[in-house]
Amino acid sequence: ARGSSNKSPALEEPMNLLYDMNDCYSKLRELVPGIPQGTKVSQVEILQHVIDYIFDLQIVLEEGAKGRDPSSEATLLSLK
């Protein structure tokens, strides 16, 4: 169990880290659009979706800074 007191703290630490990382991947799945919900997706695939999403956001922000194109704001909102 996650909070079992039968194990020494040194043995619990890697397991707690694993649970924390799994929680982080679950949160990324919720936050990043385009990640298929309800299907098994590897951690590498989740990270690739995150990278792609950040790259897309960067492009939209750079385009918006260049000409303050009103459609950039709509595009940014649609990415959310």
C-alpha atoms as a PDB file:
ATOM      1  CA  ALA A   1       0.000   0.000   0.000  1.00  0.00           C
ATOM      2  CA  ARG A   2       1.039   3.543  -0.611  1.00  0.00           C
ATOM      3  CA  GLY A   3       1.294   4.641   3.012  1.00  0.00           C
ATOM      4  CA  SER A   4       2.286   1.331   4.568  1.00  0.00           C
ATOM      5  CA  SER A   5       4.456   1.709   7.644  1.00  0.00           C
ATOM      6  CA  ASN A   6       5.930  -1.812   7.333  1.00  0.00           C
ATOM      7  CA  LYS A   7       8.572  -0.677   4.848  1.00  0.00           C
ATOM      8  CA  SER A   8      11.601   1.415   5.632  1.00  0.00           C
ATOM      9  CA  PRO A   9      11.550   5.022   4.381  1.00  0.00           C
ATOM     10  CA  ALA A  10      14.386   4.259   1.949  1.00  0.00           C
ATOM     11  CA  LEU A  11      12.255   1.581   0.266  1.00  0.00           C
ATOM     12  CA  GLU A  12       9.115   3.737   0.187  1.00  0.00           C
ATOM     13  CA  GLU A  13      10.745   6.699  -1.532  1.00  0.00           C
ATOM     14  CA  PRO A  14      11.057   5.150  -5.039  1.00  0.00           C
ATOM     15  CA  MET A  15       7.443   3.931  -4.864  1.00  0.00           C
ATOM     16  CA  ASN A  16       6.195   7.379  -3.815  1.00  0.00           C
ATOM     17  CA  LEU A  17       8.138   8.909  -6.672  1.00  0.00           C
ATOM     18  CA  LEU A  18       6.547   6.435  -9.082  1.00  0.00           C
ATOM     19  CA  TYR A  19       3.065   7.321  -7.829  1.00  0.00           C
ATOM     20  CA  ASP A  20       3.869  11.042  -8.099  1.00  0.00           C
ATOM     21  CA  MET A  21       5.084  10.636 -11.680  1.00  0.00           C
ATOM     22  CA  ASN A  22       2.003   8.624 -12.622  1.00  0.00           C
ATOM     23  CA  ASP A  23      -0.134  11.402 -11.130  1.00  0.00           C
ATOM     24  CA  CYS A  24       1.754  13.935 -13.259  1.00  0.00           C
ATOM     25  CA  TYR A  25       1.182  11.945 -16.452  1.00  0.00           C
ATOM     26  CA  SER A  26      -2.520  11.644 -15.586  1.00  0.00           C
ATOM     27  CA  LYS A  27      -2.736  15.412 -15.099  1.00  0.00           C
ATOM     28  CA  LEU A  28      -1.003  16.023 -18.450  1.00  0.00           C
ATOM     29  CA  ARG A  29      -3.547  13.721 -20.140  1.00  0.00           C
ATOM     30  CA  GLU A  30      -6.322  15.886 -18.707  1.00  0.00           C
ATOM     31  CA  LEU A  31      -4.768  19.244 -19.615  1.00  0.00           C
ATOM     32  CA  VAL A  32      -3.320  18.766 -23.090  1.00  0.00           C
ATOM     33  CA  PRO A  33      -5.826  18.669 -25.941  1.00  0.00           C
ATOM     34  CA  GLY A  34      -5.332  16.031 -28.593  1.00  0.00           C
ATOM     35  CA  ILE A  35      -4.373  13.202 -26.261  1.00  0.00           C
ATOM     36  CA  PRO A  36      -6.879  10.407 -26.860  1.00  0.00           C
ATOM     37  CA  GLN A  37      -9.053   9.870 -23.800  1.00  0.00           C
ATOM     38  CA  GLY A  38     -10.176   6.401 -22.830  1.00  0.00           C
ATOM     39  CA  THR A  39      -7.379   4.633 -24.706  1.00  0.00           C
ATOM     40  CA  LYS A  40      -4.000   3.448 -23.502  1.00  0.00           C
ATOM     41  CA  VAL A  41      -1.295   5.971 -24.362  1.00  0.00           C
ATOM     42  CA  SER A  42       2.337   5.489 -23.399  1.00  0.00           C
ATOM     43  CA  GLN A  43       4.227   8.040 -21.344  1.00  0.00           C
ATOM     44  CA  VAL A  44       6.402   8.788 -24.377  1.00  0.00           C
ATOM     45  CA  GLU A  45       3.286   9.508 -26.461  1.00  0.00           C
ATOM     46  CA  ILE A  46       1.957  11.813 -23.738  1.00  0.00           C
ATOM     47  CA  LEU A  47       5.247  13.708 -23.697  1.00  0.00           C
ATOM     48  CA  GLN A  48       5.205  13.992 -27.497  1.00  0.00           C
ATOM     49  CA  HIS A  49       1.686  15.467 -27.375  1.00  0.00           C
ATOM     50  CA  VAL A  50       2.853  17.927 -24.705  1.00  0.00           C
ATOM     51  CA  ILE A  51       5.845  18.972 -26.815  1.00  0.00           C
ATOM     52  CA  ASP A  52       3.662  19.385 -29.909  1.00  0.00           C
ATOM     53  CA  TYR A  53       1.118  21.420 -27.957  1.00  0.00           C
ATOM     54  CA  ILE A  54       3.790  23.736 -26.537  1.00  0.00           C
ATOM     55  CA  PHE A  55       5.243  24.173 -30.021  1.00  0.00           C
ATOM     56  CA  ASP A  56       1.786  25.049 -31.415  1.00  0.00           C
ATOM     57  CA  LEU A  57       1.221  27.567 -28.624  1.00  0.00           C
ATOM     58  CA  GLN A  58       4.607  29.129 -29.292  1.00  0.00           C
ATOM     59  CA  ILE A  59       3.777  29.595 -32.982  1.00  0.00           C
ATOM     60  CA  VAL A  60       0.429  31.210 -32.169  1.00  0.00           C
ATOM     61  CA  LEU A  61       2.026  33.560 -29.655  1.00  0.00           C
ATOM     62  CA  GLU A  62       4.810  34.551 -32.052  1.00  0.00           C
ATOM     63  CA  GLU A  63       2.316  35.248 -34.834  1.00  0.00           C
ATOM     64  CA  GLY A  64       0.217  37.290 -32.449  1.00  0.00           C
ATOM     65  CA  ALA A  65       3.217  39.346 -31.388  1.00  0.00           C
ATOM     66  CA  LYS A  66       4.176  40.112 -34.992  1.00  0.00           C
ATOM     67  CA  GLY A  67       0.971  41.638 -36.219  1.00  0.00           C
ATOM     68  CA  ARG A  68      -1.530  41.412 -33.415  1.00  0.00           C
ATOM     69  CA  ASP A  69      -3.733  39.439 -35.771  1.00  0.00           C
ATOM     70  CA  PRO A  70      -7.194  39.095 -34.151  1.00  0.00           C
ATOM     71  CA  SER A  71      -7.480  35.530 -35.472  1.00  0.00           C
ATOM     72  CA  SER A  72      -4.445  34.565 -33.370  1.00  0.00           C
ATOM     73  CA  GLU A  73      -6.464  35.024 -30.213  1.00  0.00           C
ATOM     74  CA  ALA A  74      -9.254  32.847 -31.602  1.00  0.00           C
ATOM     75  CA  THR A  75      -6.711  30.209 -32.615  1.00  0.00           C
ATOM     76  CA  LEU A  76      -5.121  30.306 -29.172  1.00  0.00           C
ATOM     77  CA  LEU A  77      -8.518  29.885 -27.525  1.00  0.00           C
ATOM     78  CA  SER A  78      -9.359  26.969 -29.810  1.00  0.00           C
ATOM     79  CA  LEU A  79      -6.124  25.220 -28.756  1.00  0.00           C
ATOM     80  CA  LYS A  80      -7.289  25.258 -25.146  1.00  0.00           C
END
